[in-house]
Amino acid sequence: MAESETKRPRRTPQERAAAVDEKIAKFNQSIAELEEKKTAALAEYDAKITALQERVKALEAKKQEILAPKPPRKPRKTKKQKIQEIVQQAVKSGMSVEDVASKLQVEIAE
C-alpha cells in the first residue's frame, strides 16, 4: 500500500489538453498586450517623426530663403540727380530750360 500512496495520480489526456489550452490562452493574451504596446509605441514614434519632419521642412525653407538672391535694391538718387531728371522730363514735354527756370522763378546766370 505504501507504493500506491506515493504514486502520482495520472491525468487524463483531456485534462492535459485543458492545461495546455490554458497556457495557450495566457500566451495569446500576453501577445495581444504586447501588440497593443507595440501599436501605442509606433503611434508615439510616428508622431515624433512627423513633428521632426515638419521642423526639417521649415528649416529647409529658411535655408532656401537665406540662399536665395535678394532682389537688387533701387539705387537712391541724389538731389542733383532728381533735379536733372525733372528738368529732362520738362524738356521732353516741350519746355525749354528757360521756361523751367521762369516757372521756378529762378534766374539763370549765363
PDB file of N, CA and C in Angstrom:
ATOM      1  N   MET A   1       0.798  -1.174   0.000  1.00  0.00           N
ATOM      2  CA  MET A   1       0.000   0.000   0.000  1.00  0.00           C
ATOM      3  C   MET A   1       0.857   1.262   0.000  1.00  0.00           C
ATOM      4  N   ALA A   2       2.028   1.152   0.470  1.00  0.00           N
ATOM      5  CA  ALA A   2       2.901   2.304   0.530  1.00  0.00           C
ATOM      6  C   ALA A   2       3.206   2.801  -0.883  1.00  0.00           C
ATOM      7  N   GLU A   3       3.254   1.885  -1.786  1.00  0.00           N
ATOM      8  CA  GLU A   3       3.538   2.279  -3.168  1.00  0.00           C
ATOM      9  C   GLU A   3       2.389   3.045  -3.768  1.00  0.00           C
ATOM     10  N   SER A   4       1.164   2.726  -3.518  1.00  0.00           N
ATOM     11  CA  SER A   4       0.018   3.406  -4.104  1.00  0.00           C
ATOM     12  C   SER A   4      -0.129   4.829  -3.575  1.00  0.00           C
ATOM     13  N   GLU A   5       0.304   5.087  -2.362  1.00  0.00           N
ATOM     14  CA  GLU A   5       0.213   6.432  -1.801  1.00  0.00           C
ATOM     15  C   GLU A   5       1.282   7.345  -2.383  1.00  0.00           C
ATOM     16  N   THR A   6       2.412   6.819  -2.726  1.00  0.00           N
ATOM     17  CA  THR A   6       3.490   7.637  -3.246  1.00  0.00           C
ATOM     18  C   THR A   6       3.325   7.909  -4.737  1.00  0.00           C
ATOM     19  N   LYS A   7       2.552   7.168  -5.431  1.00  0.00           N
ATOM     20  CA  LYS A   7       2.376   7.393  -6.860  1.00  0.00           C
ATOM     21  C   LYS A   7       1.473   8.588  -7.098  1.00  0.00           C
ATOM     22  N   ARG A   8       1.842   9.308  -8.137  1.00  0.00           N
ATOM     23  CA  ARG A   8       1.011  10.439  -8.543  1.00  0.00           C
ATOM     24  C   ARG A   8      -0.169   9.942  -9.331  1.00  0.00           C
ATOM     25  N   PRO A   9      -1.306  10.547  -9.162  1.00  0.00           N
ATOM     26  CA  PRO A   9      -2.421  10.108  -9.997  1.00  0.00           C
ATOM     27  C   PRO A   9      -2.204  10.599 -11.420  1.00  0.00           C
ATOM     28  N   ARG A  10      -2.478   9.787 -12.360  1.00  0.00           N
ATOM     29  CA  ARG A  10      -2.296  10.141 -13.761  1.00  0.00           C
ATOM     30  C   ARG A  10      -3.439  11.035 -14.218  1.00  0.00           C
ATOM     31  N   ARG A  11      -3.051  12.061 -15.006  1.00  0.00           N
ATOM     32  CA  ARG A  11      -4.099  12.915 -15.565  1.00  0.00           C
ATOM     33  C   ARG A  11      -4.554  12.329 -16.881  1.00  0.00           C
ATOM     34  N   THR A  12      -5.789  12.564 -17.163  1.00  0.00           N
ATOM     35  CA  THR A  12      -6.325  12.046 -18.425  1.00  0.00           C
ATOM     36  C   THR A  12      -5.836  12.933 -19.557  1.00  0.00           C
ATOM     37  N   PRO A  13      -5.871  12.461 -20.763  1.00  0.00           N
ATOM     38  CA  PRO A  13      -5.454  13.301 -21.905  1.00  0.00           C
ATOM     39  C   PRO A  13      -6.278  14.590 -22.019  1.00  0.00           C
ATOM     40  N   GLN A  14      -7.565  14.528 -21.653  1.00  0.00           N
ATOM     41  CA  GLN A  14      -8.397  15.723 -21.724  1.00  0.00           C
ATOM     42  C   GLN A  14      -7.928  16.782 -20.712  1.00  0.00           C
ATOM     43  N   GLU A  15      -7.526  16.324 -19.521  1.00  0.00           N
ATOM     44  CA  GLU A  15      -7.032  17.249 -18.507  1.00  0.00           C
ATOM     45  C   GLU A  15      -5.714  17.873 -18.956  1.00  0.00           C
ATOM     46  N   ARG A  16      -4.858  17.072 -19.537  1.00  0.00           N
ATOM     47  CA  ARG A  16      -3.579  17.597 -20.030  1.00  0.00           C
ATOM     48  C   ARG A  16      -3.811  18.580 -21.170  1.00  0.00           C
ATOM     49  N   ALA A  17      -4.751  18.287 -22.061  1.00  0.00           N
ATOM     50  CA  ALA A  17      -5.069  19.186 -23.170  1.00  0.00           C
ATOM     51  C   ALA A  17      -5.657  20.488 -22.640  1.00  0.00           C
ATOM     52  N   ALA A  18      -6.492  20.410 -21.591  1.00  0.00           N
ATOM     53  CA  ALA A  18      -7.078  21.610 -20.999  1.00  0.00           C
ATOM     54  C   ALA A  18      -5.980  22.487 -20.386  1.00  0.00           C
ATOM     55  N   ALA A  19      -4.992  21.875 -19.755  1.00  0.00           N
ATOM     56  CA  ALA A  19      -3.889  22.635 -19.172  1.00  0.00           C
ATOM     57  C   ALA A  19      -3.087  23.332 -20.265  1.00  0.00           C
ATOM     58  N   VAL A  20      -2.876  22.629 -21.367  1.00  0.00           N
ATOM     59  CA  VAL A  20      -2.147  23.233 -22.492  1.00  0.00           C
ATOM     60  C   VAL A  20      -2.972  24.380 -23.077  1.00  0.00           C
ATOM     61  N   ASP A  21      -4.299  24.191 -23.179  1.00  0.00           N
ATOM     62  CA  ASP A  21      -5.169  25.252 -23.684  1.00  0.00           C
ATOM     63  C   ASP A  21      -5.104  26.491 -22.795  1.00  0.00           C
ATOM     64  N   GLU A  22      -5.031  26.308 -21.487  1.00  0.00           N
ATOM     65  CA  GLU A  22      -4.915  27.435 -20.558  1.00  0.00           C
ATOM     66  C   GLU A  22      -3.618  28.200 -20.803  1.00  0.00           C
ATOM     67  N   LYS A  23      -2.522  27.444 -20.984  1.00  0.00           N
ATOM     68  CA  LYS A  23      -1.244  28.087 -21.254  1.00  0.00           C
ATOM     69  C   LYS A  23      -1.291  28.846 -22.579  1.00  0.00           C
ATOM     70  N   ILE A  24      -1.914  28.234 -23.587  1.00  0.00           N
ATOM     71  CA  ILE A  24      -2.033  28.892 -24.896  1.00  0.00           C
ATOM     72  C   ILE A  24      -2.830  30.181 -24.762  1.00  0.00           C
ATOM     73  N   ALA A  25      -3.918  30.156 -23.992  1.00  0.00           N
ATOM     74  CA  ALA A  25      -4.737  31.346 -23.792  1.00  0.00           C
ATOM     75  C   ALA A  25      -3.928  32.448 -23.105  1.00  0.00           C
ATOM     76  N   LYS A  26      -3.127  32.086 -22.093  1.00  0.00           N
ATOM     77  CA  LYS A  26      -2.288  33.068 -21.407  1.00  0.00           C
ATOM     78  C   LYS A  26      -1.279  33.691 -22.367  1.00  0.00           C
ATOM     79  N   PHE A  27      -0.650  32.828 -23.185  1.00  0.00           N
ATOM     80  CA  PHE A  27       0.323  33.340 -24.143  1.00  0.00           C
ATOM     81  C   PHE A  27      -0.339  34.256 -25.168  1.00  0.00           C
ATOM     82  N   ASN A  28      -1.514  33.853 -25.646  1.00  0.00           N
ATOM     83  CA  ASN A  28      -2.229  34.695 -26.613  1.00  0.00           C
ATOM     84  C   ASN A  28      -2.603  36.041 -25.991  1.00  0.00           C
ATOM     85  N   GLN A  29      -2.985  36.021 -24.726  1.00  0.00           N
ATOM     86  CA  GLN A  29      -3.325  37.260 -24.044  1.00  0.00           C
ATOM     87  C   GLN A  29      -2.092  38.157 -23.918  1.00  0.00           C
ATOM     88  N   SER A  30      -0.961  37.554 -23.568  1.00  0.00           N
ATOM     89  CA  SER A  30       0.262  38.350 -23.445  1.00  0.00           C
ATOM     90  C   SER A  30       0.696  38.884 -24.813  1.00  0.00           C
ATOM     91  N   ILE A  31       0.472  38.092 -25.860  1.00  0.00           N
ATOM     92  CA  ILE A  31       0.786  38.559 -27.221  1.00  0.00           C
ATOM     93  C   ILE A  31      -0.088  39.759 -27.563  1.00  0.00           C
ATOM     94  N   ALA A  32      -1.373  39.679 -27.233  1.00  0.00           N
ATOM     95  CA  ALA A  32      -2.280  40.791 -27.513  1.00  0.00           C
ATOM     96  C   ALA A  32      -1.852  42.048 -26.755  1.00  0.00           C
ATOM     97  N   GLU A  33      -1.454  41.892 -25.497  1.00  0.00           N
ATOM     98  CA  GLU A  33      -0.984  43.043 -24.718  1.00  0.00           C
ATOM     99  C   GLU A  33       0.265  43.653 -25.329  1.00  0.00           C
ATOM    100  N   LEU A  34       1.186  42.780 -25.778  1.00  0.00           N
ATOM    101  CA  LEU A  34       2.402  43.280 -26.405  1.00  0.00           C
ATOM    102  C   LEU A  34       2.095  43.998 -27.718  1.00  0.00           C
ATOM    103  N   GLU A  35       1.131  43.474 -28.478  1.00  0.00           N
ATOM    104  CA  GLU A  35       0.734  44.116 -29.730  1.00  0.00           C
ATOM    105  C   GLU A  35       0.158  45.501 -29.462  1.00  0.00           C
ATOM    106  N   GLU A  36      -0.632  45.624 -28.389  1.00  0.00           N
ATOM    107  CA  GLU A  36      -1.197  46.927 -28.033  1.00  0.00           C
ATOM    108  C   GLU A  36      -0.083  47.904 -27.672  1.00  0.00           C
ATOM    109  N   LYS A  37       0.894  47.428 -26.892  1.00  0.00           N
ATOM    110  CA  LYS A  37       2.027  48.279 -26.532  1.00  0.00           C
ATOM    111  C   LYS A  37       2.808  48.684 -27.773  1.00  0.00           C
ATOM    112  N   LYS A  38       2.945  47.726 -28.679  1.00  0.00           N
ATOM    113  CA  LYS A  38       3.699  47.981 -29.903  1.00  0.00           C
ATOM    114  C   LYS A  38       3.004  49.056 -30.730  1.00  0.00           C
ATOM    115  N   THR A  39       1.687  48.928 -30.912  1.00  0.00           N
ATOM    116  CA  THR A  39       0.971  49.920 -31.715  1.00  0.00           C
ATOM    117  C   THR A  39       1.002  51.289 -31.040  1.00  0.00           C
ATOM    118  N   ALA A  40       0.902  51.305 -29.702  1.00  0.00           N
ATOM    119  CA  ALA A  40       0.969  52.588 -28.992  1.00  0.00           C
ATOM    120  C   ALA A  40       2.351  53.215 -29.169  1.00  0.00           C
ATOM    121  N   ALA A  41       3.381  52.406 -29.055  1.00  0.00           N
ATOM    122  CA  ALA A  41       4.741  52.918 -29.212  1.00  0.00           C
ATOM    123  C   ALA A  41       4.973  53.389 -30.644  1.00  0.00           C
ATOM    124  N   LEU A  42       4.475  52.622 -31.617  1.00  0.00           N
ATOM    125  CA  LEU A  42       4.626  53.017 -33.011  1.00  0.00           C
ATOM    126  C   LEU A  42       3.914  54.333 -33.286  1.00  0.00           C
ATOM    127  N   ALA A  43       2.711  54.474 -32.736  1.00  0.00           N
ATOM    128  CA  ALA A  43       1.966  55.719 -32.931  1.00  0.00           C
ATOM    129  C   ALA A  43       2.718  56.890 -32.312  1.00  0.00           C
ATOM    130  N   GLU A  44       3.293  56.666 -31.151  1.00  0.00           N
ATOM    131  CA  GLU A  44       4.055  57.724 -30.480  1.00  0.00           C
ATOM    132  C   GLU A  44       5.278  58.111 -31.300  1.00  0.00           C
ATOM    133  N   TYR A  45       6.006  57.112 -31.783  1.00  0.00           N
ATOM    134  CA  TYR A  45       7.189  57.407 -32.581  1.00  0.00           C
ATOM    135  C   TYR A  45       6.814  58.018 -33.924  1.00  0.00           C
ATOM    136  N   ASP A  46       5.711  57.577 -34.522  1.00  0.00           N
ATOM    137  CA  ASP A  46       5.269  58.182 -35.775  1.00  0.00           C
ATOM    138  C   ASP A  46       4.948  59.652 -35.572  1.00  0.00           C
ATOM    139  N   ALA A  47       4.315  59.990 -34.463  1.00  0.00           N
ATOM    140  CA  ALA A  47       4.008  61.392 -34.169  1.00  0.00           C
ATOM    141  C   ALA A  47       5.292  62.192 -34.000  1.00  0.00           C
ATOM    142  N   LYS A  48       6.269  61.614 -33.313  1.00  0.00           N
ATOM    143  CA  LYS A  48       7.549  62.304 -33.122  1.00  0.00           C
ATOM    144  C   LYS A  48       8.253  62.507 -34.462  1.00  0.00           C
ATOM    145  N   ILE A  49       8.208  61.470 -35.299  1.00  0.00           N
ATOM    146  CA  ILE A  49       8.867  61.548 -36.602  1.00  0.00           C
ATOM    147  C   ILE A  49       8.225  62.619 -37.466  1.00  0.00           C
ATOM    148  N   THR A  50       6.899  62.659 -37.494  1.00  0.00           N
ATOM    149  CA  THR A  50       6.230  63.671 -38.317  1.00  0.00           C
ATOM    150  C   THR A  50       6.523  65.075 -37.797  1.00  0.00           C
ATOM    151  N   ALA A  51       6.583  65.237 -36.487  1.00  0.00           N
ATOM    152  CA  ALA A  51       6.905  66.557 -35.927  1.00  0.00           C
ATOM    153  C   ALA A  51       8.312  66.987 -36.343  1.00  0.00           C
ATOM    154  N   LEU A  52       9.251  66.048 -36.287  1.00  0.00           N
ATOM    155  CA  LEU A  52      10.613  66.375 -36.688  1.00  0.00           C
ATOM    156  C   LEU A  52      10.707  66.649 -38.183  1.00  0.00           C
ATOM    157  N   GLN A  53       9.936  65.921 -38.984  1.00  0.00           N
ATOM    158  CA  GLN A  53       9.939  66.170 -40.420  1.00  0.00           C
ATOM    159  C   GLN A  53       9.403  67.564 -40.733  1.00  0.00           C
ATOM    160  N   GLU A  54       8.387  68.003 -40.000  1.00  0.00           N
ATOM    161  CA  GLU A  54       7.863  69.353 -40.180  1.00  0.00           C
ATOM    162  C   GLU A  54       8.934  70.394 -39.832  1.00  0.00           C
ATOM    163  N   ARG A  55       9.677  70.146 -38.764  1.00  0.00           N
ATOM    164  CA  ARG A  55      10.742  71.069 -38.389  1.00  0.00           C
ATOM    165  C   ARG A  55      11.822  71.114 -39.464  1.00  0.00           C
ATOM    166  N   VAL A  56      12.134  69.941 -40.044  1.00  0.00           N
ATOM    167  CA  VAL A  56      13.140  69.887 -41.106  1.00  0.00           C
ATOM    168  C   VAL A  56      12.654  70.675 -42.315  1.00  0.00           C
ATOM    169  N   LYS A  57      11.374  70.528 -42.674  1.00  0.00           N
ATOM    170  CA  LYS A  57      10.834  71.278 -43.810  1.00  0.00           C
ATOM    171  C   LYS A  57      10.915  72.779 -43.558  1.00  0.00           C
ATOM    172  N   ALA A  58      10.585  73.185 -42.341  1.00  0.00           N
ATOM    173  CA  ALA A  58      10.648  74.609 -42.012  1.00  0.00           C
ATOM    174  C   ALA A  58      12.079  75.123 -42.118  1.00  0.00           C
ATOM    175  N   LEU A  59      13.028  74.323 -41.632  1.00  0.00           N
ATOM    176  CA  LEU A  59      14.425  74.736 -41.712  1.00  0.00           C
ATOM    177  C   LEU A  59      14.928  74.755 -43.154  1.00  0.00           C
ATOM    178  N   GLU A  60      14.464  73.811 -43.969  1.00  0.00           N
ATOM    179  CA  GLU A  60      14.833  73.801 -45.387  1.00  0.00           C
ATOM    180  C   GLU A  60      14.313  75.054 -46.079  1.00  0.00           C
ATOM    181  N   ALA A  61      13.070  75.435 -45.761  1.00  0.00           N
ATOM    182  CA  ALA A  61      12.502  76.651 -46.346  1.00  0.00           C
ATOM    183  C   ALA A  61      13.308  77.872 -45.911  1.00  0.00           C
ATOM    184  N   LYS A  62      13.699  77.898 -44.646  1.00  0.00           N
ATOM    185  CA  LYS A  62      14.500  79.010 -44.139  1.00  0.00           C
ATOM    186  C   LYS A  62      15.850  79.052 -44.841  1.00  0.00           C
ATOM    187  N   LYS A  63      16.429  77.875 -45.082  1.00  0.00           N
ATOM    188  CA  LYS A  63      17.720  77.787 -45.764  1.00  0.00           C
ATOM    189  C   LYS A  63      17.597  78.321 -47.188  1.00  0.00           C
ATOM    190  N   GLN A  64      16.527  77.924 -47.879  1.00  0.00           N
ATOM    191  CA  GLN A  64      16.311  78.404 -49.241  1.00  0.00           C
ATOM    192  C   GLN A  64      16.118  79.918 -49.262  1.00  0.00           C
ATOM    193  N   GLU A  65      15.422  80.417 -48.253  1.00  0.00           N
ATOM    194  CA  GLU A  65      15.217  81.863 -48.165  1.00  0.00           C
ATOM    195  C   GLU A  65      16.538  82.584 -47.957  1.00  0.00           C
ATOM    196  N   ILE A  66      17.409  81.977 -47.151  1.00  0.00           N
ATOM    197  CA  ILE A  66      18.708  82.591 -46.894  1.00  0.00           C
ATOM    198  C   ILE A  66      19.578  82.559 -48.151  1.00  0.00           C
ATOM    199  N   LEU A  67      19.549  81.426 -48.862  1.00  0.00           N
ATOM    200  CA  LEU A  67      20.411  81.274 -50.028  1.00  0.00           C
ATOM    201  C   LEU A  67      19.872  81.950 -51.280  1.00  0.00           C
ATOM    202  N   ALA A  68      18.594  82.279 -51.300  1.00  0.00           N
ATOM    203  CA  ALA A  68      18.003  82.911 -52.484  1.00  0.00           C
ATOM    204  C   ALA A  68      18.591  84.313 -52.641  1.00  0.00           C
ATOM    205  N   PRO A  69      18.907  84.673 -53.876  1.00  0.00           N
ATOM    206  CA  PRO A  69      19.457  86.020 -54.060  1.00  0.00           C
ATOM    207  C   PRO A  69      18.385  87.074 -53.773  1.00  0.00           C
ATOM    208  N   LYS A  70      18.819  88.103 -53.078  1.00  0.00           N
ATOM    209  CA  LYS A  70      17.891  89.173 -52.751  1.00  0.00           C
ATOM    210  C   LYS A  70      17.668  90.039 -53.989  1.00  0.00           C
ATOM    211  N   PRO A  71      16.471  90.596 -54.116  1.00  0.00           N
ATOM    212  CA  PRO A  71      16.242  91.459 -55.278  1.00  0.00           C
ATOM    213  C   PRO A  71      17.140  92.693 -55.189  1.00  0.00           C
ATOM    214  N   PRO A  72      17.623  93.138 -56.332  1.00  0.00           N
ATOM    215  CA  PRO A  72      18.533  94.290 -56.290  1.00  0.00           C
ATOM    216  C   PRO A  72      17.802  95.533 -55.774  1.00  0.00           C
ATOM    217  N   ARG A  73      18.506  96.264 -54.972  1.00  0.00           N
ATOM    218  CA  ARG A  73      17.925  97.479 -54.430  1.00  0.00           C
ATOM    219  C   ARG A  73      17.959  98.579 -55.472  1.00  0.00           C
ATOM    220  N   LYS A  74      16.953  99.386 -55.443  1.00  0.00           N
ATOM    221  CA  LYS A  74      16.914 100.520 -56.349  1.00  0.00           C
ATOM    222  C   LYS A  74      17.868 101.568 -55.792  1.00  0.00           C
ATOM    223  N   PRO A  75      18.822 102.007 -56.586  1.00  0.00           N
ATOM    224  CA  PRO A  75      19.785 102.963 -56.056  1.00  0.00           C
ATOM    225  C   PRO A  75      19.097 104.284 -55.704  1.00  0.00           C
ATOM    226  N   ARG A  76      19.519 104.853 -54.624  1.00  0.00           N
ATOM    227  CA  ARG A  76      18.965 106.133 -54.218  1.00  0.00           C
ATOM    228  C   ARG A  76      19.536 107.232 -55.112  1.00  0.00           C
ATOM    229  N   LYS A  77      18.675 108.182 -55.376  1.00  0.00           N
ATOM    230  CA  LYS A  77      19.106 109.289 -56.224  1.00  0.00           C
ATOM    231  C   LYS A  77      19.494 110.471 -55.345  1.00  0.00           C
ATOM    232  N   THR A  78      20.526 111.115 -55.797  1.00  0.00           N
ATOM    233  CA  THR A  78      20.942 112.308 -55.079  1.00  0.00           C
ATOM    234  C   THR A  78      20.024 113.460 -55.469  1.00  0.00           C
ATOM    235  N   LYS A  79      20.138 114.544 -54.741  1.00  0.00           N
ATOM    236  CA  LYS A  79      19.302 115.710 -55.022  1.00  0.00           C
ATOM    237  C   LYS A  79      19.588 116.235 -56.430  1.00  0.00           C
ATOM    238  N   LYS A  80      20.845 116.217 -56.805  1.00  0.00           N
ATOM    239  CA  LYS A  80      21.239 116.693 -58.126  1.00  0.00           C
ATOM    240  C   LYS A  80      20.622 115.831 -59.225  1.00  0.00           C
ATOM    241  N   GLN A  81      20.631 114.494 -59.004  1.00  0.00           N
ATOM    242  CA  GLN A  81      20.055 113.581 -59.999  1.00  0.00           C
ATOM    243  C   GLN A  81      18.555 113.793 -60.131  1.00  0.00           C
ATOM    244  N   LYS A  82      17.879 114.045 -58.998  1.00  0.00           N
ATOM    245  CA  LYS A  82      16.439 114.280 -59.040  1.00  0.00           C
ATOM    246  C   LYS A  82      16.112 115.548 -59.819  1.00  0.00           C
ATOM    247  N   ILE A  83      16.884 116.584 -59.582  1.00  0.00           N
ATOM    248  CA  ILE A  83      16.645 117.845 -60.293  1.00  0.00           C
ATOM    249  C   ILE A  83      16.905 117.664 -61.781  1.00  0.00           C
ATOM    250  N   GLN A  84      17.961 116.960 -62.143  1.00  0.00           N
ATOM    251  CA  GLN A  84      18.264 116.717 -63.557  1.00  0.00           C
ATOM    252  C   GLN A  84      17.149 115.929 -64.217  1.00  0.00           C
ATOM    253  N   GLU A  85      16.600 114.940 -63.501  1.00  0.00           N
ATOM    254  CA  GLU A  85      15.507 114.138 -64.055  1.00  0.00           C
ATOM    255  C   GLU A  85      14.268 115.000 -64.289  1.00  0.00           C
ATOM    256  N   ILE A  86      13.969 115.883 -63.348  1.00  0.00           N
ATOM    257  CA  ILE A  86      12.810 116.770 -63.503  1.00  0.00           C
ATOM    258  C   ILE A  86      13.004 117.678 -64.709  1.00  0.00           C
ATOM    259  N   VAL A  87      14.197 118.221 -64.857  1.00  0.00           N
ATOM    260  CA  VAL A  87      14.489 119.101 -65.991  1.00  0.00           C
ATOM    261  C   VAL A  87      14.392 118.325 -67.302  1.00  0.00           C
ATOM    262  N   GLN A  88      14.889 117.096 -67.333  1.00  0.00           N
ATOM    263  CA  GLN A  88      14.817 116.290 -68.560  1.00  0.00           C
ATOM    264  C   GLN A  88      13.371 115.996 -68.940  1.00  0.00           C
ATOM    265  N   GLN A  89      12.541 115.682 -67.946  1.00  0.00           N
ATOM    266  CA  GLN A  89      11.129 115.427 -68.239  1.00  0.00           C
ATOM    267  C   GLN A  89      10.439 116.692 -68.749  1.00  0.00           C
ATOM    268  N   ALA A  90      10.798 117.834 -68.182  1.00  0.00           N
ATOM    269  CA  ALA A  90      10.217 119.094 -68.642  1.00  0.00           C
ATOM    270  C   ALA A  90      10.639 119.381 -70.077  1.00  0.00           C
ATOM    271  N   VAL A  91      11.896 119.108 -70.407  1.00  0.00           N
ATOM    272  CA  VAL A  91      12.397 119.332 -71.764  1.00  0.00           C
ATOM    273  C   VAL A  91      11.709 118.388 -72.741  1.00  0.00           C
ATOM    274  N   LYS A  92      11.472 117.135 -72.322  1.00  0.00           N
ATOM    275  CA  LYS A  92      10.782 116.167 -73.183  1.00  0.00           C
ATOM    276  C   LYS A  92       9.345 116.595 -73.446  1.00  0.00           C
ATOM    277  N   SER A  93       8.737 117.245 -72.450  1.00  0.00           N
ATOM    278  CA  SER A  93       7.347 117.662 -72.637  1.00  0.00           C
ATOM    279  C   SER A  93       7.251 118.940 -73.464  1.00  0.00           C
ATOM    280  N   GLY A  94       8.375 119.488 -73.871  1.00  0.00           N
ATOM    281  CA  GLY A  94       8.372 120.619 -74.774  1.00  0.00           C
ATOM    282  C   GLY A  94       8.783 121.928 -74.143  1.00  0.00           C
ATOM    283  N   MET A  95       9.138 121.936 -72.937  1.00  0.00           N
ATOM    284  CA  MET A  95       9.570 123.167 -72.285  1.00  0.00           C
ATOM    285  C   MET A  95      11.068 123.348 -72.499  1.00  0.00           C
ATOM    286  N   SER A  96      11.467 124.572 -72.545  1.00  0.00           N
ATOM    287  CA  SER A  96      12.889 124.846 -72.640  1.00  0.00           C
ATOM    288  C   SER A  96      13.428 125.049 -71.229  1.00  0.00           C
ATOM    289  N   VAL A  97      14.755 125.119 -71.117  1.00  0.00           N
ATOM    290  CA  VAL A  97      15.377 125.302 -69.824  1.00  0.00           C
ATOM    291  C   VAL A  97      14.974 126.663 -69.242  1.00  0.00           C
ATOM    292  N   GLU A  98      14.836 127.668 -70.103  1.00  0.00           N
ATOM    293  CA  GLU A  98      14.432 128.995 -69.663  1.00  0.00           C
ATOM    294  C   GLU A  98      13.004 128.974 -69.118  1.00  0.00           C
ATOM    295  N   ASP A  99      12.115 128.183 -69.787  1.00  0.00           N
ATOM    296  CA  ASP A  99      10.735 128.065 -69.315  1.00  0.00           C
ATOM    297  C   ASP A  99      10.696 127.421 -67.920  1.00  0.00           C
ATOM    298  N   VAL A 100      11.508 126.399 -67.725  1.00  0.00           N
ATOM    299  CA  VAL A 100      11.565 125.728 -66.428  1.00  0.00           C
ATOM    300  C   VAL A 100      12.057 126.703 -65.369  1.00  0.00           C
ATOM    301  N   ALA A 101      13.089 127.477 -65.692  1.00  0.00           N
ATOM    302  CA  ALA A 101      13.642 128.445 -64.753  1.00  0.00           C
ATOM    303  C   ALA A 101      12.612 129.515 -64.416  1.00  0.00           C
ATOM    304  N   SER A 102      11.853 129.981 -65.425  1.00  0.00           N
ATOM    305  CA  SER A 102      10.845 131.012 -65.158  1.00  0.00           C
ATOM    306  C   SER A 102       9.705 130.454 -64.304  1.00  0.00           C
ATOM    307  N   LYS A 103       9.336 129.195 -64.526  1.00  0.00           N
ATOM    308  CA  LYS A 103       8.301 128.572 -63.694  1.00  0.00           C
ATOM    309  C   LYS A 103       8.752 128.454 -62.242  1.00  0.00           C
ATOM    310  N   LEU A 104      10.025 128.197 -62.066  1.00  0.00           N
ATOM    311  CA  LEU A 104      10.557 128.054 -60.707  1.00  0.00           C
ATOM    312  C   LEU A 104      10.954 129.431 -60.129  1.00  0.00           C
ATOM    313  N   GLN A 105      10.800 130.449 -60.928  1.00  0.00           N
ATOM    314  CA  GLN A 105      11.149 131.816 -60.538  1.00  0.00           C
ATOM    315  C   GLN A 105      12.622 131.889 -60.137  1.00  0.00           C
ATOM    316  N   VAL A 106      13.440 131.313 -61.006  1.00  0.00           N
ATOM    317  CA  VAL A 106      14.873 131.304 -60.806  1.00  0.00           C
ATOM    318  C   VAL A 106      15.520 131.962 -62.011  1.00  0.00           C
ATOM    319  N   GLU A 107      16.538 132.767 -61.751  1.00  0.00           N
ATOM    320  CA  GLU A 107      17.248 133.404 -62.842  1.00  0.00           C
ATOM    321  C   GLU A 107      18.469 132.580 -63.188  1.00  0.00           C
ATOM    322  N   ILE A 108      18.709 132.411 -64.480  1.00  0.00           N
ATOM    323  CA  ILE A 108      19.862 131.639 -64.935  1.00  0.00           C
ATOM    324  C   ILE A 108      20.991 132.617 -65.211  1.00  0.00           C
ATOM    325  N   ALA A 109      22.136 132.375 -64.609  1.00  0.00           N
ATOM    326  CA  ALA A 109      23.318 133.206 -64.855  1.00  0.00           C
ATOM    327  C   ALA A 109      24.077 132.602 -66.005  1.00  0.00           C
ATOM    328  N   GLU A 110      24.251 133.409 -67.054  1.00  0.00           N
ATOM    329  CA  GLU A 110      24.941 132.885 -68.230  1.00  0.00           C
ATOM    330  C   GLU A 110      26.313 133.400 -68.364  1.00  0.00           C
TER     331      GLU A 110
END
